[in-house]
Amino acid sequence: MSKAEHLANIMVERFINAVHNGVDLVPVVADSTSTAKISPFIKEFPDRLVNVGIAEQSLVGCAAGLALGGKVAVTCNAAPFLISRANEQVKVDVCYNNTNVKLFGLNSGASYGPLASTHHSIDDIGVMRGFGNIQIFAPSSPNECRQIIDYAINYIGPVYIRLDGKELPEIHQDNYKFVPGQIDVLRKGGKVALVAMGSTVHEIVDAAAKLAERGIETTVINVPSIRPCDTKALFTALTGCQYAISVEEHNINGGVGSLVAEVIAEHGVPIKLMRRGIADGQYALAGDRKSIRKHHGIDADNIVDLASLLN
């Protein structure tokens, strides 16, 4: 297995690669150069970065203006402030006006740990799914992240990419090919399907391995492409399972759990769904990442216990 990589480092790497390949790309930050790990880009292209200061609404408005001027504008700041503070600008300046802006929600979920609810982003996918005209992705590994970012930079139109704030190991082979909308089935078998997006995919991969040691096979489904999403393929991947467990570092409403619920309901199939994430009406626990996931039942051990009860 290759070493773990920080997804923000990959983001900056792909920005540099894009400019070298002739893309007129301009990163916009809100005094978030450290969060974005953007120093290597600044060193190579010192005149290409726009820093608006701690003003997220201006960040998004500026990015939209740059896009209307022909640039590929990419915003790089913490997901909670991008989605909450600049909500109206994301909706109107980017989505409604179909500007060629790529929004990177950094340190998503509970990446900030002890900084608690002000810095946790547990509603970003739900919010973005409520907006029209924007593609939404949540990479789970370095290989997948590189391909999603390269796709987004070359796609003409609004994109939101949810990036975790911790290093993630690789779970895909070198020949893995990301396709927008495609469902990524990592394991097939058994009567329980485990479904996740982003960094919690690693929790269900680990859980499946532990369950296999007990002789329990599971289907493991990674959903990196929230919109577009091939819901027919997701339904096919769930077919034959009696239970589905969705796992996300996000509110149980609006994220991957809601997506699975919609697919099950729309196809009218008798698959019992258990959503694991931040409970309805709650905030994520403040603490270290491991404690947060254990508390909310979204770590591998909790998933193993739940899946074992269903077999």
Protein backbone atom coordinates (compact mmCIF):
# COMPACT_ATOMS: atom_id res chain seq x y z
CA MET A 1 0.00 0.00 0.00
CA SER A 2 1.31 3.47 -0.88
CA LYS A 3 1.91 6.02 1.83
CA ALA A 4 -0.93 8.21 3.07
CA GLU A 5 -1.25 11.65 1.50
CA HIS A 6 -2.98 14.86 2.51
CA LEU A 7 -5.66 15.74 -0.03
CA ALA A 8 -4.89 19.47 0.14
CA ASN A 9 -1.33 18.72 -0.99
CA ILE A 10 -2.77 16.79 -3.92
CA MET A 11 -5.05 19.72 -4.73
CA VAL A 12 -2.09 22.11 -4.94
CA GLU A 13 -0.10 19.60 -6.99
CA ARG A 14 -2.92 19.40 -9.55
CA PHE A 15 -3.24 23.20 -9.67
CA ILE A 16 0.46 23.51 -10.50
CA ASN A 17 0.18 20.77 -13.12
CA ALA A 18 -2.83 22.48 -14.70
CA VAL A 19 -1.06 25.84 -15.07
CA HIS A 20 1.99 24.13 -16.57
CA ASN A 21 -0.40 22.54 -19.07
CA GLY A 22 -1.76 25.92 -20.13
CA VAL A 23 -4.87 26.24 -17.93
CA ASP A 24 -5.51 29.85 -16.89
CA LEU A 25 -6.18 28.84 -13.30
CA VAL A 26 -6.40 31.30 -10.40
CA PRO A 27 -6.73 30.14 -6.77
CA VAL A 28 -8.69 32.44 -4.45
CA VAL A 29 -8.15 32.18 -0.70
CA ALA A 30 -9.65 33.92 2.34
CA ASP A 31 -6.52 34.30 4.44
CA SER A 32 -6.44 30.50 4.20
CA THR A 33 -3.02 29.93 2.64
CA SER A 34 -2.02 27.61 5.49
CA THR A 35 -5.27 25.63 5.38
CA ALA A 36 -4.92 25.27 1.62
CA LYS A 37 -1.22 24.33 1.84
CA ILE A 38 -0.86 26.61 -1.15
CA SER A 39 2.78 27.73 -0.58
CA PRO A 40 4.25 25.58 -3.39
CA PHE A 41 1.83 27.20 -5.85
CA ILE A 42 2.69 30.72 -4.65
CA LYS A 43 6.40 29.95 -4.97
CA GLU A 44 5.97 28.82 -8.57
CA PHE A 45 3.32 31.34 -9.63
CA PRO A 46 3.52 34.32 -7.24
CA ASP A 47 1.24 36.53 -9.35
CA ARG A 48 -1.59 34.02 -9.71
CA LEU A 49 -3.01 33.87 -6.18
CA VAL A 50 -5.80 36.17 -4.97
CA ASN A 51 -6.15 36.57 -1.19
CA VAL A 52 -9.27 38.49 -0.18
CA GLY A 53 -8.61 38.26 3.56
CA ILE A 54 -11.09 36.80 6.05
CA ALA A 55 -14.07 37.56 3.81
CA GLU A 56 -15.63 34.38 2.47
CA GLN A 57 -18.49 36.15 0.70
CA SER A 58 -15.96 38.28 -1.17
CA LEU A 59 -13.96 35.11 -1.88
CA VAL A 60 -16.84 33.51 -3.79
CA GLY A 61 -17.92 36.74 -5.49
CA CYS A 62 -14.35 37.38 -6.61
CA ALA A 63 -14.02 33.83 -7.93
CA ALA A 64 -17.24 34.24 -9.91
CA GLY A 65 -15.93 37.48 -11.40
CA LEU A 66 -12.65 35.84 -12.38
CA ALA A 67 -14.57 33.01 -14.03
CA LEU A 68 -16.72 35.46 -15.99
CA GLY A 69 -13.46 37.04 -17.15
CA GLY A 70 -12.32 33.73 -18.62
CA LYS A 71 -10.27 32.31 -15.74
CA VAL A 72 -10.66 28.90 -14.13
CA ALA A 73 -11.29 30.11 -10.59
CA VAL A 74 -10.69 27.75 -7.67
CA THR A 75 -11.60 28.67 -4.10
CA CYS A 76 -9.52 27.13 -1.31
CA ASN A 77 -10.74 27.55 2.25
CA ALA A 78 -12.33 25.67 5.13
CA ALA A 79 -15.60 23.97 4.22
CA PRO A 80 -17.67 25.32 7.16
CA PHE A 81 -16.93 28.93 6.27
CA LEU A 82 -17.25 28.44 2.53
CA ILE A 83 -20.66 26.79 2.79
CA SER A 84 -22.15 28.73 5.71
CA ARG A 85 -20.77 32.25 5.52
CA ALA A 86 -20.80 32.48 1.71
CA ASN A 87 -24.01 30.51 1.22
CA GLU A 88 -25.84 33.15 -0.80
CA GLN A 89 -22.85 33.86 -3.03
CA VAL A 90 -22.36 30.15 -3.74
CA LYS A 91 -26.04 29.83 -4.63
CA VAL A 92 -26.38 32.97 -6.76
CA ASP A 93 -22.94 33.97 -8.04
CA VAL A 94 -21.76 30.44 -8.80
CA CYS A 95 -24.65 28.00 -9.17
CA TYR A 96 -27.47 30.17 -10.52
CA ASN A 97 -25.17 32.05 -12.89
CA ASN A 98 -23.33 28.90 -13.98
CA THR A 99 -19.88 30.39 -13.48
CA ASN A 100 -16.81 28.25 -14.03
CA VAL A 101 -15.81 28.12 -10.35
CA LYS A 102 -14.41 25.09 -8.53
CA LEU A 103 -15.21 25.25 -4.82
CA PHE A 104 -12.89 23.24 -2.58
CA GLY A 105 -14.31 22.60 0.89
CA LEU A 106 -11.19 21.91 2.93
CA ASN A 107 -11.02 20.17 6.33
CA SER A 108 -14.56 18.90 5.89
CA GLY A 109 -16.59 16.84 8.33
CA ALA A 110 -15.06 16.90 11.82
CA SER A 111 -11.49 17.31 10.57
CA TYR A 112 -10.94 20.21 12.97
CA GLY A 113 -11.74 17.93 15.93
CA PRO A 114 -11.45 19.91 19.19
CA LEU A 115 -12.44 23.22 17.52
CA ALA A 116 -16.01 21.90 17.62
CA SER A 117 -19.19 22.98 15.88
CA THR A 118 -17.95 26.35 14.60
CA HIS A 119 -15.30 24.53 12.57
CA HIS A 120 -17.05 21.26 11.80
CA SER A 121 -18.69 20.93 8.40
CA ILE A 122 -21.38 18.27 8.78
CA ASP A 123 -24.02 19.77 6.49
CA ASP A 124 -22.08 20.77 3.38
CA ILE A 125 -23.25 17.95 1.10
CA GLY A 126 -26.86 18.48 2.19
CA VAL A 127 -26.61 22.19 1.44
CA MET A 128 -24.92 21.70 -1.91
CA ARG A 129 -27.41 19.01 -2.95
CA GLY A 130 -30.10 21.62 -2.33
CA PHE A 131 -28.52 23.97 -4.87
CA GLY A 132 -29.06 23.43 -8.57
CA ASN A 133 -26.46 23.30 -11.31
CA ILE A 134 -23.37 22.20 -9.42
CA GLN A 135 -21.50 18.91 -9.50
CA ILE A 136 -20.51 17.43 -6.12
CA PHE A 137 -17.64 15.05 -5.33
CA ALA A 138 -16.08 13.53 -2.20
CA PRO A 139 -12.81 11.69 -2.91
CA SER A 140 -11.79 8.86 -0.60
CA SER A 141 -8.18 8.27 -1.65
CA PRO A 142 -5.17 10.01 -3.23
CA ASN A 143 -5.64 8.32 -6.63
CA GLU A 144 -9.33 9.18 -6.73
CA CYS A 145 -8.65 12.73 -5.53
CA ARG A 146 -6.15 13.43 -8.32
CA GLN A 147 -8.56 12.24 -10.96
CA ILE A 148 -11.54 14.15 -9.55
CA ILE A 149 -9.57 17.40 -9.41
CA ASP A 150 -8.22 16.97 -12.95
CA TYR A 151 -11.75 16.31 -14.16
CA ALA A 152 -13.15 19.34 -12.30
CA ILE A 153 -10.51 21.71 -13.67
CA ASN A 154 -11.33 20.68 -17.24
CA TYR A 155 -15.11 20.58 -16.76
CA ILE A 156 -16.86 23.83 -17.70
CA GLY A 157 -19.23 24.78 -14.89
CA PRO A 158 -19.59 24.87 -11.08
CA VAL A 159 -18.09 22.05 -8.99
CA TYR A 160 -17.91 21.43 -5.23
CA ILE A 161 -15.24 19.05 -3.93
CA ARG A 162 -15.33 17.93 -0.30
CA LEU A 163 -11.79 17.31 0.95
CA ASP A 164 -10.94 15.68 4.27
CA GLY A 165 -8.36 17.37 6.49
CA LYS A 166 -6.27 14.32 7.38
CA GLU A 167 -3.86 12.13 5.45
CA LEU A 168 -5.58 9.23 3.70
CA PRO A 169 -3.99 5.98 2.49
CA GLU A 170 -4.67 4.56 -0.97
CA ILE A 171 -7.50 2.04 -1.38
CA HIS A 172 -7.50 1.90 -5.19
CA GLN A 173 -5.23 0.14 -7.64
CA ASP A 174 -3.03 2.16 -9.99
CA ASN A 175 -5.38 1.30 -12.88
CA TYR A 176 -8.44 2.77 -11.14
CA LYS A 177 -10.35 5.15 -13.39
CA PHE A 178 -12.69 7.73 -11.91
CA VAL A 179 -15.80 8.38 -13.99
CA PRO A 180 -18.26 11.12 -12.95
CA GLY A 181 -21.46 9.53 -11.66
CA GLN A 182 -19.98 6.06 -11.41
CA ILE A 183 -20.47 3.92 -8.30
CA ASP A 184 -17.27 2.36 -6.96
CA VAL A 185 -17.95 -1.16 -5.66
CA LEU A 186 -14.90 -2.19 -3.64
CA ARG A 187 -16.25 -5.53 -2.43
CA LYS A 188 -19.26 -7.66 -3.33
CA GLY A 189 -21.07 -10.32 -1.31
CA GLY A 190 -23.23 -11.02 1.69
CA LYS A 191 -26.57 -9.64 2.80
CA VAL A 192 -25.22 -6.36 4.25
CA ALA A 193 -24.08 -3.43 2.11
CA LEU A 194 -21.80 -0.78 3.59
CA VAL A 195 -22.01 2.58 1.80
CA ALA A 196 -19.87 5.67 2.42
CA MET A 197 -18.31 8.76 0.87
CA GLY A 198 -14.98 10.47 1.42
CA SER A 199 -12.79 9.53 4.35
CA THR A 200 -15.36 7.25 6.01
CA VAL A 201 -14.92 4.85 3.09
CA HIS A 202 -11.81 3.74 4.97
CA GLU A 203 -13.96 2.86 7.98
CA ILE A 204 -16.19 0.56 5.94
CA VAL A 205 -13.20 -0.98 4.13
CA ASP A 206 -11.61 -1.76 7.50
CA ALA A 207 -14.94 -3.03 8.87
CA ALA A 208 -15.42 -5.34 5.89
CA ALA A 209 -11.95 -6.81 6.38
CA LYS A 210 -12.65 -7.48 10.06
CA LEU A 211 -16.02 -9.02 9.23
CA ALA A 212 -14.39 -11.26 6.61
CA GLU A 213 -12.09 -12.60 9.33
CA ARG A 214 -15.27 -13.73 11.10
CA GLY A 215 -16.55 -15.36 7.95
CA ILE A 216 -19.02 -12.57 7.18
CA GLU A 217 -18.92 -11.13 3.66
CA THR A 218 -20.26 -7.66 2.90
CA THR A 219 -20.74 -5.43 -0.12
CA VAL A 220 -18.65 -2.25 0.13
CA ILE A 221 -19.76 0.76 -1.91
CA ASN A 222 -17.84 4.01 -2.28
CA VAL A 223 -19.86 6.96 -3.61
CA PRO A 224 -17.30 9.58 -4.71
CA SER A 225 -19.70 11.25 -7.15
CA ILE A 226 -22.73 12.66 -5.34
CA ARG A 227 -23.91 14.67 -8.33
CA PRO A 228 -23.94 13.33 -10.98
CA CYS A 229 -24.74 9.93 -9.52
CA ASP A 230 -25.69 6.80 -11.42
CA THR A 231 -28.53 5.83 -9.09
CA LYS A 232 -29.39 2.82 -11.26
CA ALA A 233 -25.89 1.48 -10.70
CA LEU A 234 -26.20 2.18 -6.97
CA PHE A 235 -29.47 0.24 -6.93
CA THR A 236 -27.82 -2.61 -8.81
CA ALA A 237 -24.97 -2.69 -6.29
CA LEU A 238 -27.51 -2.90 -3.45
CA THR A 239 -29.57 -5.60 -5.16
CA GLY A 240 -29.43 -8.89 -3.30
CA CYS A 241 -28.67 -7.26 0.04
CA GLN A 242 -31.19 -7.33 2.87
CA TYR A 243 -29.58 -4.46 4.78
CA ALA A 244 -27.68 -1.28 3.97
CA ILE A 245 -25.58 0.70 6.42
CA SER A 246 -24.59 4.22 5.35
CA VAL A 247 -21.57 5.73 7.10
CA GLU A 248 -20.60 9.38 6.88
CA GLU A 249 -18.92 12.14 8.85
CA HIS A 250 -21.91 14.32 8.02
CA ASN A 251 -25.43 14.75 9.30
CA ILE A 252 -27.52 11.68 8.53
CA ASN A 253 -29.81 13.97 6.53
CA GLY A 254 -28.77 15.21 3.09
CA GLY A 255 -25.64 13.15 2.57
CA VAL A 256 -24.91 9.64 1.36
CA GLY A 257 -27.47 8.13 3.75
CA SER A 258 -30.21 10.23 2.20
CA LEU A 259 -29.01 9.31 -1.27
CA VAL A 260 -29.25 5.58 -0.45
CA ALA A 261 -32.67 6.10 1.15
CA GLU A 262 -33.92 7.82 -1.98
CA VAL A 263 -32.70 5.00 -4.22
CA ILE A 264 -34.30 2.32 -2.03
CA ALA A 265 -37.60 4.21 -1.78
CA GLU A 266 -37.79 5.08 -5.48
CA HIS A 267 -37.23 1.45 -6.48
CA GLY A 268 -39.64 0.16 -3.83
CA VAL A 269 -37.33 -2.61 -2.63
CA PRO A 270 -37.38 -4.16 0.87
CA ILE A 271 -33.86 -3.21 1.97
CA LYS A 272 -33.63 -2.03 5.57
CA LEU A 273 -31.40 1.03 5.85
CA MET A 274 -29.49 2.10 8.95
CA ARG A 275 -27.90 5.53 8.67
CA ARG A 276 -24.77 6.18 10.68
CA GLY A 277 -23.49 9.75 10.95
CA ILE A 278 -24.22 12.81 13.06
CA ALA A 279 -27.74 12.29 14.39
CA ASP A 280 -30.61 14.55 13.37
CA GLY A 281 -30.59 17.77 15.39
CA GLN A 282 -27.13 17.21 16.82
CA TYR A 283 -23.66 18.67 16.36
CA ALA A 284 -20.54 16.55 16.11
CA LEU A 285 -18.70 15.88 19.34
CA ALA A 286 -15.67 18.08 20.05
CA GLY A 287 -12.56 15.97 20.44
CA ASP A 288 -9.95 13.98 18.58
CA ARG A 289 -11.02 12.28 15.36
CA LYS A 290 -11.00 8.76 16.78
CA SER A 291 -13.20 9.73 19.73
CA ILE A 292 -15.61 11.63 17.51
CA ARG A 293 -16.12 8.69 15.18
CA LYS A 294 -16.50 6.21 18.05
CA HIS A 295 -19.03 8.46 19.79
CA HIS A 296 -21.17 8.78 16.68
CA GLY A 297 -20.85 5.12 15.70
CA ILE A 298 -19.03 5.75 12.44
CA ASP A 299 -15.78 3.94 13.18
CA ALA A 300 -14.92 0.47 11.89
CA ASP A 301 -15.52 -1.29 15.22
CA ASN A 302 -19.05 0.08 15.58
CA ILE A 303 -19.84 -0.89 12.00
CA VAL A 304 -18.52 -4.41 12.64
CA ASP A 305 -20.75 -4.75 15.70
CA LEU A 306 -23.83 -3.57 13.83
CA ALA A 307 -23.21 -5.70 10.74
CA SER A 308 -22.54 -8.76 12.91
CA LEU A 309 -25.97 -8.39 14.53
CA LEU A 310 -27.57 -8.50 11.07
CA ASN A 311 -25.90 -11.78 10.08
